[in-house]
């Protein structure tokens, strides 16, 4: 089992592999959206929201923005009527597009903030984690919220015994 979320920071923003991951996420979302459409569900952008979140978490803001930018023409061409044609959108389509762009912008911003928080935690956590671990070991605790076991009772001090 993986300890932590180290895999999120493996891809560097603005690298080719980051944009390939974003493109693959959008391709997978397109297949998912096509599956939704084959069942008669008309959620234009529903399958693409998780892809943008994954692209933003894995590659940062550039990958999330790239996934958003390539999603709009795909949905407009393949999933909005008239299908497989760039027809003029209806007012409802404009509303769907505006809501998708707003939610995608929020997803990309939050995923970038999450990546920055991971970098900060990784930068400062080794010293704090080591110190906290030493304190827990000195206190005889097993975990961050562990309580001392009841079997080991503290020894009472008596006048003849040395103090610890």
N, C-alpha and C. Protein backbone atom coordinates (compact mmCIF):
# COMPACT_ATOMS: atom_id res chain seq x y z
N UNK A 1 0.84 -1.17 0.00
CA UNK A 1 0.00 0.00 0.00
C UNK A 1 0.88 1.24 0.00
N UNK A 2 0.47 2.23 -0.77
CA UNK A 2 1.24 3.46 -0.87
C UNK A 2 1.10 4.29 0.38
N UNK A 3 2.19 4.85 0.84
CA UNK A 3 2.14 5.72 1.99
C UNK A 3 2.23 7.15 1.48
N UNK A 4 1.14 7.88 1.57
CA UNK A 4 1.14 9.27 1.13
C UNK A 4 0.65 9.42 -0.29
N UNK A 5 0.87 10.60 -0.81
CA UNK A 5 0.42 10.92 -2.17
C UNK A 5 1.60 11.46 -2.97
N UNK A 6 2.68 10.73 -3.00
CA UNK A 6 3.88 11.15 -3.71
C UNK A 6 3.70 11.14 -5.22
N UNK A 7 2.79 10.33 -5.71
CA UNK A 7 2.60 10.21 -7.15
C UNK A 7 2.03 11.48 -7.77
N UNK A 8 1.39 12.34 -6.98
CA UNK A 8 0.78 13.56 -7.53
C UNK A 8 1.84 14.52 -8.02
N UNK A 9 2.96 14.60 -7.34
CA UNK A 9 3.99 15.57 -7.71
C UNK A 9 5.04 15.02 -8.65
N UNK A 10 4.85 13.83 -9.20
CA UNK A 10 5.83 13.26 -10.12
C UNK A 10 5.93 14.04 -11.42
N UNK A 11 4.80 14.51 -11.95
CA UNK A 11 4.79 15.26 -13.21
C UNK A 11 5.06 16.74 -12.95
N UNK A 12 5.91 17.30 -13.75
CA UNK A 12 6.22 18.72 -13.63
C UNK A 12 5.30 19.52 -14.56
N UNK A 13 4.80 20.66 -14.10
CA UNK A 13 3.98 21.50 -15.00
C UNK A 13 4.79 21.93 -16.22
N UNK A 14 4.12 22.10 -17.32
CA UNK A 14 4.66 22.53 -18.60
C UNK A 14 5.56 21.48 -19.25
N UNK A 15 5.55 20.24 -18.77
CA UNK A 15 6.32 19.21 -19.46
C UNK A 15 5.42 18.48 -20.46
N UNK A 16 6.04 17.82 -21.40
CA UNK A 16 5.28 17.11 -22.41
C UNK A 16 4.46 15.98 -21.80
N UNK A 17 5.03 15.28 -20.84
CA UNK A 17 4.30 14.17 -20.21
C UNK A 17 3.07 14.66 -19.46
N UNK A 18 3.12 15.88 -18.94
CA UNK A 18 1.95 16.45 -18.27
C UNK A 18 0.80 16.64 -19.24
N UNK A 19 1.11 17.17 -20.43
CA UNK A 19 0.06 17.40 -21.41
C UNK A 19 -0.44 16.09 -22.02
N UNK A 20 0.42 15.08 -22.08
CA UNK A 20 -0.02 13.76 -22.56
C UNK A 20 -0.99 13.14 -21.56
N UNK A 21 -0.70 13.27 -20.27
CA UNK A 21 -1.61 12.76 -19.25
C UNK A 21 -2.95 13.48 -19.33
N UNK A 22 -2.94 14.80 -19.52
CA UNK A 22 -4.18 15.56 -19.65
C UNK A 22 -4.96 15.12 -20.89
N UNK A 23 -4.26 14.90 -21.98
CA UNK A 23 -4.92 14.44 -23.20
C UNK A 23 -5.53 13.05 -23.02
N UNK A 24 -4.80 12.16 -22.36
CA UNK A 24 -5.34 10.82 -22.10
C UNK A 24 -6.55 10.86 -21.19
N UNK A 25 -6.54 11.75 -20.20
CA UNK A 25 -7.69 11.90 -19.32
C UNK A 25 -8.91 12.38 -20.10
N UNK A 26 -8.70 13.31 -21.03
CA UNK A 26 -9.82 13.81 -21.84
C UNK A 26 -10.31 12.73 -22.80
N UNK A 27 -9.42 11.93 -23.36
CA UNK A 27 -9.84 10.84 -24.25
C UNK A 27 -10.67 9.82 -23.47
N UNK A 28 -10.24 9.47 -22.27
CA UNK A 28 -11.00 8.56 -21.43
C UNK A 28 -12.36 9.16 -21.07
N UNK A 29 -12.38 10.44 -20.79
CA UNK A 29 -13.65 11.11 -20.48
C UNK A 29 -14.57 11.16 -21.69
N UNK A 30 -14.00 11.30 -22.87
CA UNK A 30 -14.81 11.28 -24.09
C UNK A 30 -15.47 9.92 -24.27
N UNK A 31 -14.73 8.85 -24.01
CA UNK A 31 -15.32 7.51 -24.09
C UNK A 31 -16.41 7.34 -23.04
N UNK A 32 -16.19 7.85 -21.85
CA UNK A 32 -17.21 7.77 -20.80
C UNK A 32 -18.45 8.57 -21.19
N UNK A 33 -18.24 9.75 -21.74
CA UNK A 33 -19.36 10.58 -22.17
C UNK A 33 -20.13 9.92 -23.31
N UNK A 34 -19.43 9.26 -24.19
CA UNK A 34 -20.10 8.53 -25.28
C UNK A 34 -20.94 7.40 -24.72
N UNK A 35 -20.45 6.75 -23.66
CA UNK A 35 -21.23 5.70 -23.01
C UNK A 35 -22.49 6.30 -22.39
N UNK A 36 -22.36 7.46 -21.72
CA UNK A 36 -23.55 8.14 -21.18
C UNK A 36 -24.53 8.47 -22.29
N UNK A 37 -24.02 8.97 -23.41
CA UNK A 37 -24.89 9.37 -24.52
C UNK A 37 -25.58 8.16 -25.15
N UNK A 38 -24.91 7.01 -25.16
CA UNK A 38 -25.54 5.82 -25.74
C UNK A 38 -26.71 5.33 -24.90
N UNK A 39 -26.70 5.65 -23.60
CA UNK A 39 -27.83 5.31 -22.74
C UNK A 39 -28.91 6.39 -22.75
N UNK A 40 -28.72 7.44 -23.53
CA UNK A 40 -29.72 8.49 -23.65
C UNK A 40 -29.57 9.63 -22.67
N UNK A 41 -28.51 9.67 -21.90
CA UNK A 41 -28.30 10.76 -20.95
C UNK A 41 -27.62 11.92 -21.65
N UNK A 42 -28.14 13.11 -21.47
CA UNK A 42 -27.60 14.29 -22.15
C UNK A 42 -26.82 15.18 -21.18
N UNK A 43 -25.89 14.60 -20.47
CA UNK A 43 -24.99 15.39 -19.63
C UNK A 43 -23.80 15.77 -20.49
N UNK A 44 -23.81 16.97 -20.99
CA UNK A 44 -22.78 17.36 -21.95
C UNK A 44 -21.38 17.28 -21.35
N UNK A 45 -21.21 17.80 -20.14
CA UNK A 45 -19.86 17.94 -19.59
C UNK A 45 -19.61 17.04 -18.37
N UNK A 46 -20.55 16.18 -18.02
CA UNK A 46 -20.43 15.41 -16.78
C UNK A 46 -19.22 14.48 -16.77
N UNK A 47 -18.93 13.85 -17.87
CA UNK A 47 -17.80 12.94 -17.91
C UNK A 47 -16.45 13.63 -17.93
N UNK A 48 -16.44 14.91 -18.21
CA UNK A 48 -15.18 15.62 -18.35
C UNK A 48 -14.71 16.30 -17.06
N UNK A 49 -15.60 16.49 -16.11
CA UNK A 49 -15.22 17.16 -14.86
C UNK A 49 -14.18 16.34 -14.09
N UNK A 50 -14.35 15.02 -13.91
CA UNK A 50 -13.30 14.26 -13.23
C UNK A 50 -11.98 14.25 -14.01
N UNK A 51 -12.05 14.28 -15.33
CA UNK A 51 -10.81 14.30 -16.13
C UNK A 51 -10.04 15.59 -15.91
N UNK A 52 -10.76 16.69 -15.78
CA UNK A 52 -10.08 17.97 -15.54
C UNK A 52 -9.50 18.00 -14.13
N UNK A 53 -10.21 17.43 -13.17
CA UNK A 53 -9.67 17.34 -11.82
C UNK A 53 -8.41 16.48 -11.78
N UNK A 54 -8.44 15.35 -12.44
CA UNK A 54 -7.26 14.47 -12.47
C UNK A 54 -6.10 15.14 -13.18
N UNK A 55 -6.38 15.80 -14.30
CA UNK A 55 -5.31 16.49 -15.02
C UNK A 55 -4.74 17.62 -14.18
N UNK A 56 -5.60 18.34 -13.46
CA UNK A 56 -5.12 19.43 -12.62
C UNK A 56 -4.30 18.93 -11.44
N UNK A 57 -4.72 17.83 -10.84
CA UNK A 57 -3.96 17.28 -9.71
C UNK A 57 -2.63 16.69 -10.16
N UNK A 58 -2.63 16.00 -11.28
CA UNK A 58 -1.41 15.35 -11.74
C UNK A 58 -0.41 16.33 -12.35
N UNK A 59 -0.91 17.32 -13.11
CA UNK A 59 0.00 18.19 -13.83
C UNK A 59 -0.07 19.66 -13.49
N UNK A 60 -0.91 20.02 -12.54
CA UNK A 60 -1.00 21.42 -12.15
C UNK A 60 -1.95 22.21 -13.03
N UNK A 61 -1.89 23.52 -12.87
CA UNK A 61 -2.80 24.41 -13.59
C UNK A 61 -2.64 24.34 -15.11
N UNK A 62 -1.42 24.24 -15.66
CA UNK A 62 -1.33 24.15 -17.12
C UNK A 62 -2.05 22.94 -17.70
N UNK A 63 -1.94 21.80 -17.06
CA UNK A 63 -2.60 20.59 -17.56
C UNK A 63 -4.11 20.69 -17.40
N UNK A 64 -4.58 21.25 -16.30
CA UNK A 64 -6.01 21.42 -16.11
C UNK A 64 -6.60 22.40 -17.11
N UNK A 65 -5.89 23.49 -17.37
CA UNK A 65 -6.36 24.46 -18.37
C UNK A 65 -6.35 23.85 -19.77
N UNK A 66 -5.32 23.06 -20.07
CA UNK A 66 -5.25 22.39 -21.37
C UNK A 66 -6.42 21.43 -21.54
N UNK A 67 -6.72 20.66 -20.50
CA UNK A 67 -7.83 19.72 -20.57
C UNK A 67 -9.16 20.47 -20.75
N UNK A 68 -9.31 21.60 -20.10
CA UNK A 68 -10.53 22.39 -20.25
C UNK A 68 -10.65 22.93 -21.66
N UNK A 69 -9.55 23.44 -22.20
CA UNK A 69 -9.57 24.04 -23.53
C UNK A 69 -9.90 23.00 -24.61
N UNK A 70 -9.36 21.80 -24.50
CA UNK A 70 -9.65 20.81 -25.54
C UNK A 70 -10.99 20.13 -25.32
N UNK A 71 -11.56 20.24 -24.12
CA UNK A 71 -12.87 19.65 -23.86
C UNK A 71 -13.98 20.42 -24.57
N UNK A 72 -13.90 21.74 -24.57
CA UNK A 72 -14.99 22.56 -25.13
C UNK A 72 -15.27 22.22 -26.59
N UNK A 73 -14.28 22.21 -27.50
CA UNK A 73 -14.63 21.85 -28.88
C UNK A 73 -15.07 20.40 -29.05
N UNK A 74 -14.56 19.50 -28.22
CA UNK A 74 -14.99 18.10 -28.33
C UNK A 74 -16.47 17.98 -27.99
N UNK A 75 -16.88 18.60 -26.89
CA UNK A 75 -18.29 18.52 -26.50
C UNK A 75 -19.16 19.25 -27.51
N UNK A 76 -18.72 20.40 -27.97
CA UNK A 76 -19.50 21.18 -28.93
C UNK A 76 -19.69 20.39 -30.23
N UNK A 77 -18.65 19.70 -30.67
CA UNK A 77 -18.72 18.98 -31.94
C UNK A 77 -19.45 17.65 -31.82
N UNK A 78 -19.15 16.88 -30.76
CA UNK A 78 -19.63 15.50 -30.71
C UNK A 78 -20.90 15.30 -29.90
N UNK A 79 -21.17 16.14 -28.91
CA UNK A 79 -22.26 15.83 -28.00
C UNK A 79 -23.40 16.84 -27.99
N UNK A 80 -23.21 18.02 -28.55
CA UNK A 80 -24.29 19.00 -28.62
C UNK A 80 -24.94 18.92 -30.01
N UNK A 81 -26.28 18.95 -30.05
CA UNK A 81 -26.94 18.90 -31.37
C UNK A 81 -26.69 20.18 -32.15
N UNK A 82 -26.53 20.14 -33.42
CA UNK A 82 -26.47 18.99 -34.32
C UNK A 82 -25.15 18.25 -34.12
N UNK A 83 -25.23 16.94 -34.01
CA UNK A 83 -24.07 16.11 -33.68
C UNK A 83 -23.08 16.08 -34.83
N UNK A 84 -21.80 16.09 -34.47
CA UNK A 84 -20.67 16.05 -35.41
C UNK A 84 -20.71 17.22 -36.38
N UNK A 85 -21.10 18.37 -35.86
CA UNK A 85 -21.14 19.59 -36.63
C UNK A 85 -21.03 20.76 -35.65
N UNK A 86 -20.33 21.81 -36.05
CA UNK A 86 -20.21 23.00 -35.21
C UNK A 86 -21.36 23.95 -35.52
N UNK A 87 -22.55 23.62 -35.02
CA UNK A 87 -23.71 24.49 -35.19
C UNK A 87 -23.74 25.55 -34.10
N UNK A 88 -24.60 26.56 -34.29
CA UNK A 88 -24.72 27.60 -33.28
C UNK A 88 -25.37 27.04 -32.03
N UNK A 89 -24.78 27.26 -30.88
CA UNK A 89 -25.38 26.73 -29.64
C UNK A 89 -26.65 27.49 -29.27
N UNK A 90 -27.53 26.80 -28.59
CA UNK A 90 -28.75 27.42 -28.08
C UNK A 90 -28.42 28.15 -26.78
N UNK A 91 -29.33 28.97 -26.26
CA UNK A 91 -29.06 29.62 -24.97
C UNK A 91 -28.81 28.63 -23.83
N UNK A 92 -29.47 27.48 -23.86
CA UNK A 92 -29.21 26.46 -22.83
C UNK A 92 -27.80 25.89 -22.97
N UNK A 93 -27.34 25.76 -24.21
CA UNK A 93 -25.98 25.28 -24.43
C UNK A 93 -24.96 26.30 -23.92
N UNK A 94 -25.25 27.60 -24.14
CA UNK A 94 -24.36 28.64 -23.62
C UNK A 94 -24.31 28.59 -22.09
N UNK A 95 -25.47 28.33 -21.46
CA UNK A 95 -25.48 28.22 -19.99
C UNK A 95 -24.65 27.03 -19.53
N UNK A 96 -24.81 25.91 -20.21
CA UNK A 96 -24.02 24.72 -19.85
C UNK A 96 -22.53 24.98 -20.02
N UNK A 97 -22.18 25.64 -21.10
CA UNK A 97 -20.78 25.96 -21.36
C UNK A 97 -20.22 26.92 -20.30
N UNK A 98 -21.00 27.92 -19.94
CA UNK A 98 -20.54 28.88 -18.93
C UNK A 98 -20.37 28.21 -17.57
N UNK A 99 -21.32 27.36 -17.19
CA UNK A 99 -21.19 26.66 -15.91
C UNK A 99 -20.00 25.70 -15.91
N UNK A 100 -19.78 25.05 -17.04
CA UNK A 100 -18.63 24.15 -17.14
C UNK A 100 -17.32 24.93 -17.02
N UNK A 101 -17.21 26.04 -17.70
CA UNK A 101 -15.98 26.83 -17.63
C UNK A 101 -15.74 27.38 -16.23
N UNK A 102 -16.80 27.81 -15.56
CA UNK A 102 -16.66 28.31 -14.20
C UNK A 102 -16.23 27.20 -13.25
N UNK A 103 -16.90 26.06 -13.32
CA UNK A 103 -16.52 24.95 -12.42
C UNK A 103 -15.14 24.41 -12.76
N UNK A 104 -14.76 24.40 -14.03
CA UNK A 104 -13.42 23.95 -14.40
C UNK A 104 -12.36 24.90 -13.88
N UNK A 105 -12.63 26.19 -13.95
CA UNK A 105 -11.67 27.16 -13.41
C UNK A 105 -11.48 26.96 -11.91
N UNK A 106 -12.57 26.71 -11.20
CA UNK A 106 -12.45 26.44 -9.76
C UNK A 106 -11.70 25.14 -9.49
N UNK A 107 -11.97 24.11 -10.26
CA UNK A 107 -11.26 22.84 -10.09
C UNK A 107 -9.76 23.00 -10.33
N UNK A 108 -9.41 23.74 -11.38
CA UNK A 108 -8.00 23.93 -11.70
C UNK A 108 -7.32 24.75 -10.60
N UNK A 109 -7.98 25.78 -10.11
CA UNK A 109 -7.39 26.59 -9.04
C UNK A 109 -7.21 25.77 -7.76
N UNK A 110 -8.22 25.00 -7.38
CA UNK A 110 -8.12 24.21 -6.17
C UNK A 110 -7.09 23.09 -6.30
N UNK A 111 -6.99 22.50 -7.47
CA UNK A 111 -5.98 21.45 -7.64
C UNK A 111 -4.58 22.04 -7.60
N UNK A 112 -4.39 23.24 -8.13
CA UNK A 112 -3.09 23.89 -8.05
C UNK A 112 -2.76 24.25 -6.59
N UNK A 113 -3.74 24.73 -5.84
CA UNK A 113 -3.51 25.02 -4.42
C UNK A 113 -3.16 23.75 -3.65
N UNK A 114 -3.80 22.64 -4.00
CA UNK A 114 -3.49 21.37 -3.34
C UNK A 114 -2.06 20.94 -3.64
N UNK A 115 -1.64 21.09 -4.88
CA UNK A 115 -0.26 20.75 -5.23
C UNK A 115 0.73 21.63 -4.47
N UNK A 116 0.45 22.92 -4.37
CA UNK A 116 1.34 23.82 -3.64
C UNK A 116 1.39 23.47 -2.15
N UNK A 117 0.24 23.08 -1.59
CA UNK A 117 0.22 22.66 -0.18
C UNK A 117 1.03 21.39 0.02
N UNK A 118 0.98 20.47 -0.93
CA UNK A 118 1.81 19.25 -0.82
C UNK A 118 3.29 19.58 -0.84
N UNK A 119 3.68 20.53 -1.69
CA UNK A 119 5.08 20.92 -1.75
C UNK A 119 5.52 21.52 -0.41
N UNK A 120 4.68 22.37 0.16
CA UNK A 120 5.02 22.99 1.45
C UNK A 120 5.09 21.94 2.54
N UNK A 121 4.13 21.02 2.57
CA UNK A 121 4.16 19.96 3.58
C UNK A 121 5.38 19.07 3.43
N UNK A 122 5.73 18.77 2.20
CA UNK A 122 6.91 17.94 1.97
C UNK A 122 8.19 18.68 2.38
N UNK A 123 8.18 19.98 2.20
CA UNK A 123 9.37 20.77 2.55
C UNK A 123 9.58 20.82 4.05
N UNK A 124 8.51 20.96 4.82
CA UNK A 124 8.65 21.14 6.26
C UNK A 124 8.35 19.91 7.08
N UNK A 125 7.72 18.90 6.52
CA UNK A 125 7.30 17.78 7.34
C UNK A 125 8.43 16.86 7.80
N UNK A 126 9.52 16.67 7.05
CA UNK A 126 10.52 15.72 7.58
C UNK A 126 11.07 16.13 8.94
N UNK A 127 11.38 17.40 9.16
CA UNK A 127 11.92 17.81 10.45
C UNK A 127 10.86 17.72 11.53
N UNK A 128 9.64 18.15 11.22
CA UNK A 128 8.58 18.08 12.21
C UNK A 128 8.15 16.65 12.46
N UNK A 129 8.12 15.84 11.43
CA UNK A 129 7.72 14.44 11.60
C UNK A 129 8.75 13.68 12.42
N UNK A 130 10.04 13.94 12.19
CA UNK A 130 11.07 13.27 12.98
C UNK A 130 10.99 13.69 14.44
N UNK A 131 10.79 14.98 14.68
CA UNK A 131 10.68 15.46 16.05
C UNK A 131 9.46 14.87 16.73
N UNK A 132 8.34 14.83 16.02
CA UNK A 132 7.12 14.27 16.60
C UNK A 132 7.29 12.78 16.86
N UNK A 133 7.97 12.09 15.97
CA UNK A 133 8.20 10.66 16.15
C UNK A 133 9.08 10.41 17.38
N UNK A 134 10.13 11.21 17.53
CA UNK A 134 10.99 11.05 18.71
C UNK A 134 10.23 11.33 20.00
N UNK A 135 9.34 12.33 19.97
CA UNK A 135 8.55 12.63 21.17
C UNK A 135 7.60 11.49 21.50
N UNK A 136 6.98 10.90 20.49
CA UNK A 136 6.07 9.79 20.73
C UNK A 136 6.82 8.57 21.25
N UNK A 137 8.01 8.33 20.69
CA UNK A 137 8.78 7.18 21.15
C UNK A 137 9.24 7.39 22.58
N UNK A 138 9.62 8.62 22.92
CA UNK A 138 10.05 8.89 24.29
C UNK A 138 8.90 8.75 25.26
N UNK A 139 7.70 9.08 24.83
CA UNK A 139 6.53 8.97 25.70
C UNK A 139 5.95 7.56 25.70
N UNK A 140 6.42 6.70 24.80
CA UNK A 140 5.93 5.34 24.74
C UNK A 140 4.64 5.21 23.95
N UNK A 141 4.37 6.15 23.06
CA UNK A 141 3.15 6.11 22.26
C UNK A 141 3.42 5.43 20.93
N UNK A 142 2.39 4.78 20.39
CA UNK A 142 2.57 4.07 19.13
C UNK A 142 2.15 4.88 17.93
N UNK A 143 1.19 5.75 18.02
CA UNK A 143 0.69 6.51 16.89
C UNK A 143 0.44 7.95 17.27
N UNK A 144 -0.02 8.76 16.34
CA UNK A 144 -0.20 10.17 16.64
C UNK A 144 -1.30 10.41 17.67
N UNK A 145 -2.28 9.51 17.78
CA UNK A 145 -3.37 9.71 18.72
C UNK A 145 -3.45 8.57 19.73
N UNK A 146 -2.36 7.85 19.88
CA UNK A 146 -2.38 6.69 20.76
C UNK A 146 -2.33 7.12 22.22
N UNK A 147 -2.90 6.26 23.04
CA UNK A 147 -2.90 6.49 24.48
C UNK A 147 -1.97 5.45 25.09
N UNK A 148 -1.30 5.83 26.16
CA UNK A 148 -0.42 4.86 26.81
C UNK A 148 -1.23 3.65 27.25
N UNK A 149 -0.61 2.50 27.12
CA UNK A 149 -1.32 1.28 27.51
C UNK A 149 -1.54 1.27 29.01
N UNK A 150 -2.60 0.64 29.44
CA UNK A 150 -2.94 0.62 30.86
C UNK A 150 -2.15 -0.46 31.61
N UNK A 151 -1.48 -1.33 30.90
CA UNK A 151 -0.74 -2.39 31.58
C UNK A 151 0.54 -1.86 32.21
N UNK A 152 1.13 -0.84 31.63
CA UNK A 152 2.37 -0.31 32.21
C UNK A 152 2.01 0.90 33.07
N UNK A 153 1.88 0.63 34.35
CA UNK A 153 1.55 1.71 35.27
C UNK A 153 2.83 2.39 35.73
N UNK A 154 2.76 3.69 35.93
CA UNK A 154 3.97 4.38 36.39
C UNK A 154 4.30 3.96 37.83
N UNK A 155 5.59 3.84 38.08
CA UNK A 155 6.05 3.46 39.41
C UNK A 155 5.92 4.66 40.35
N UNK A 156 5.44 4.37 41.53
CA UNK A 156 5.35 5.44 42.52
C UNK A 156 6.72 5.66 43.13
N UNK A 157 6.95 6.90 43.41
CA UNK A 157 8.24 7.23 44.00
C UNK A 157 8.16 7.03 45.51
N UNK A 158 9.16 6.43 46.00
CA UNK A 158 9.23 6.25 47.46
C UNK A 158 10.50 6.93 47.94
N UNK A 159 10.55 7.29 49.17
CA UNK A 159 11.71 8.05 49.66
C UNK A 159 13.03 7.31 49.49
N UNK A 160 13.05 6.01 49.46
CA UNK A 160 14.30 5.30 49.33
C UNK A 160 14.76 5.07 47.89
N UNK A 161 13.87 5.30 46.90
CA UNK A 161 14.23 5.01 45.52
C UNK A 161 14.70 6.29 44.81
N UNK A 162 15.61 6.17 43.84
CA UNK A 162 16.09 7.36 43.14
C UNK A 162 15.00 7.91 42.20
N UNK A 163 15.02 9.20 42.02
CA UNK A 163 14.09 9.85 41.08
C UNK A 163 14.55 9.66 39.67
N UNK A 164 13.59 9.62 38.74
CA UNK A 164 13.95 9.51 37.33
C UNK A 164 13.87 10.85 36.68
